[in-house]
């Protein structure tokens, strides 16, 4: 499904206004999104520890 040029322009203009969470509660909730959504992935992609070789 494609969107119209008018809708695409509106989406891009709205995206420019997005600044992310401003409150400490919003920031905390936002940082946990990847943990929640990561539970539904097929692969685990984690960070390497300092001791990993």
N, C-alpha and C. Protein backbone atom coordinates (compact mmCIF):
# COMPACT_ATOMS: atom_id res chain seq x y z
N UNK A 1 0.85 -1.17 0.00
CA UNK A 1 0.00 0.00 0.00
C UNK A 1 0.90 1.24 0.00
N UNK A 2 0.68 2.12 -0.91
CA UNK A 2 1.46 3.35 -0.98
C UNK A 2 0.60 4.52 -0.48
N UNK A 3 1.29 5.56 -0.07
CA UNK A 3 0.57 6.74 0.39
C UNK A 3 0.74 7.85 -0.65
N UNK A 4 -0.12 8.82 -0.58
CA UNK A 4 -0.07 9.92 -1.53
C UNK A 4 1.10 10.84 -1.21
N UNK A 5 1.48 11.64 -2.18
CA UNK A 5 2.56 12.61 -1.98
C UNK A 5 2.18 13.61 -0.89
N UNK A 6 0.90 13.97 -0.84
CA UNK A 6 0.42 14.91 0.17
C UNK A 6 0.58 14.31 1.57
N UNK A 7 0.24 13.03 1.72
CA UNK A 7 0.36 12.37 3.02
C UNK A 7 1.83 12.21 3.41
N UNK A 8 2.68 11.88 2.45
CA UNK A 8 4.10 11.75 2.72
C UNK A 8 4.69 13.07 3.20
N UNK A 9 4.29 14.16 2.56
CA UNK A 9 4.77 15.48 2.96
C UNK A 9 4.31 15.80 4.38
N UNK A 10 3.04 15.50 4.68
CA UNK A 10 2.50 15.75 6.03
C UNK A 10 3.25 14.91 7.06
N UNK A 11 3.54 13.66 6.74
CA UNK A 11 4.28 12.79 7.67
C UNK A 11 5.66 13.36 7.95
N UNK A 12 6.34 13.81 6.93
CA UNK A 12 7.68 14.36 7.11
C UNK A 12 7.66 15.65 7.93
N UNK A 13 6.68 16.49 7.70
CA UNK A 13 6.56 17.73 8.48
C UNK A 13 6.29 17.42 9.95
N UNK A 14 5.42 16.45 10.21
CA UNK A 14 5.12 16.07 11.59
C UNK A 14 6.33 15.45 12.27
N UNK A 15 7.10 14.67 11.53
CA UNK A 15 8.30 14.04 12.09
C UNK A 15 9.31 15.08 12.53
N UNK A 16 9.38 16.20 11.86
CA UNK A 16 10.31 17.27 12.24
C UNK A 16 9.96 17.85 13.59
N UNK A 17 8.69 17.79 13.98
CA UNK A 17 8.23 18.35 15.24
C UNK A 17 8.46 17.39 16.42
N UNK A 18 8.73 16.12 16.12
CA UNK A 18 8.89 15.12 17.16
C UNK A 18 10.19 15.36 17.92
N UNK A 19 10.10 15.48 19.23
CA UNK A 19 11.28 15.73 20.05
C UNK A 19 11.53 14.63 21.08
N UNK A 20 10.70 13.62 21.11
CA UNK A 20 10.88 12.53 22.06
C UNK A 20 10.33 12.88 23.43
N UNK A 21 10.52 11.97 24.38
CA UNK A 21 9.98 12.19 25.72
C UNK A 21 10.69 13.33 26.44
N UNK A 22 9.95 14.05 27.26
CA UNK A 22 10.50 15.20 27.98
C UNK A 22 10.56 14.97 29.49
N UNK A 23 9.62 14.20 30.02
CA UNK A 23 9.61 13.97 31.47
C UNK A 23 10.49 12.78 31.83
N UNK A 24 10.90 12.71 33.08
CA UNK A 24 11.74 11.59 33.51
C UNK A 24 10.98 10.27 33.39
N UNK A 25 9.67 10.29 33.66
CA UNK A 25 8.88 9.07 33.52
C UNK A 25 8.81 8.63 32.05
N UNK A 26 8.66 9.59 31.16
CA UNK A 26 8.61 9.28 29.73
C UNK A 26 9.93 8.74 29.21
N UNK A 27 11.02 9.32 29.69
CA UNK A 27 12.35 8.86 29.29
C UNK A 27 12.59 7.44 29.78
N UNK A 28 12.23 7.17 31.04
CA UNK A 28 12.39 5.82 31.59
C UNK A 28 11.58 4.80 30.80
N UNK A 29 10.34 5.16 30.47
CA UNK A 29 9.49 4.24 29.71
C UNK A 29 10.07 4.01 28.32
N UNK A 30 10.58 5.05 27.71
CA UNK A 30 11.13 4.94 26.36
C UNK A 30 12.36 4.05 26.32
N UNK A 31 13.20 4.13 27.34
CA UNK A 31 14.42 3.32 27.35
C UNK A 31 14.11 1.84 27.54
N UNK A 32 12.95 1.53 28.08
CA UNK A 32 12.58 0.13 28.30
C UNK A 32 11.87 -0.49 27.11
N UNK A 33 11.53 0.28 26.09
CA UNK A 33 10.82 -0.25 24.93
C UNK A 33 11.60 -1.37 24.26
N UNK A 34 12.91 -1.19 24.09
CA UNK A 34 13.68 -2.22 23.41
C UNK A 34 13.72 -3.51 24.22
N UNK A 35 13.67 -3.42 25.53
CA UNK A 35 13.67 -4.62 26.35
C UNK A 35 12.39 -5.40 26.16
N UNK A 36 11.28 -4.71 26.11
CA UNK A 36 9.98 -5.36 25.94
C UNK A 36 9.87 -5.95 24.54
N UNK A 37 10.19 -5.18 23.54
CA UNK A 37 10.04 -5.65 22.16
C UNK A 37 11.11 -6.68 21.81
N UNK A 38 12.23 -6.65 22.49
CA UNK A 38 13.28 -7.62 22.26
C UNK A 38 12.87 -9.04 22.64
N UNK A 39 11.87 -9.16 23.49
CA UNK A 39 11.41 -10.49 23.89
C UNK A 39 10.76 -11.23 22.74
N UNK A 40 10.35 -10.52 21.72
CA UNK A 40 9.64 -11.13 20.61
C UNK A 40 10.53 -11.37 19.39
N UNK A 41 11.84 -11.23 19.53
CA UNK A 41 12.74 -11.41 18.39
C UNK A 41 13.15 -12.86 18.25
N UNK A 42 13.59 -13.21 17.05
CA UNK A 42 14.07 -14.56 16.78
C UNK A 42 15.53 -14.73 17.19
N UNK A 43 16.30 -13.66 17.10
CA UNK A 43 17.72 -13.70 17.42
C UNK A 43 18.01 -12.79 18.60
N UNK A 44 19.05 -13.12 19.33
CA UNK A 44 19.52 -12.23 20.38
C UNK A 44 20.74 -11.49 19.86
N UNK A 45 20.69 -10.19 19.92
CA UNK A 45 21.83 -9.37 19.53
C UNK A 45 22.19 -8.54 20.74
N UNK A 46 23.26 -8.93 21.39
CA UNK A 46 23.65 -8.25 22.62
C UNK A 46 24.99 -7.56 22.46
N UNK A 47 25.34 -6.82 23.46
CA UNK A 47 26.64 -6.15 23.47
C UNK A 47 27.69 -7.12 23.97
N UNK A 48 28.88 -6.95 23.47
CA UNK A 48 29.98 -7.77 23.94
C UNK A 48 30.47 -7.24 25.28
N UNK A 49 30.80 -8.15 26.16
CA UNK A 49 31.36 -7.73 27.44
C UNK A 49 32.83 -7.38 27.26
N UNK A 50 33.41 -6.74 28.22
CA UNK A 50 34.81 -6.35 28.15
C UNK A 50 35.71 -7.59 28.09
N UNK A 51 35.28 -8.68 28.66
CA UNK A 51 36.09 -9.90 28.71
C UNK A 51 35.92 -10.79 27.48
N UNK A 52 35.02 -10.42 26.57
CA UNK A 52 34.77 -11.23 25.37
C UNK A 52 35.94 -11.13 24.41
N UNK A 53 36.36 -12.26 23.87
CA UNK A 53 37.47 -12.25 22.89
C UNK A 53 37.05 -12.94 21.65
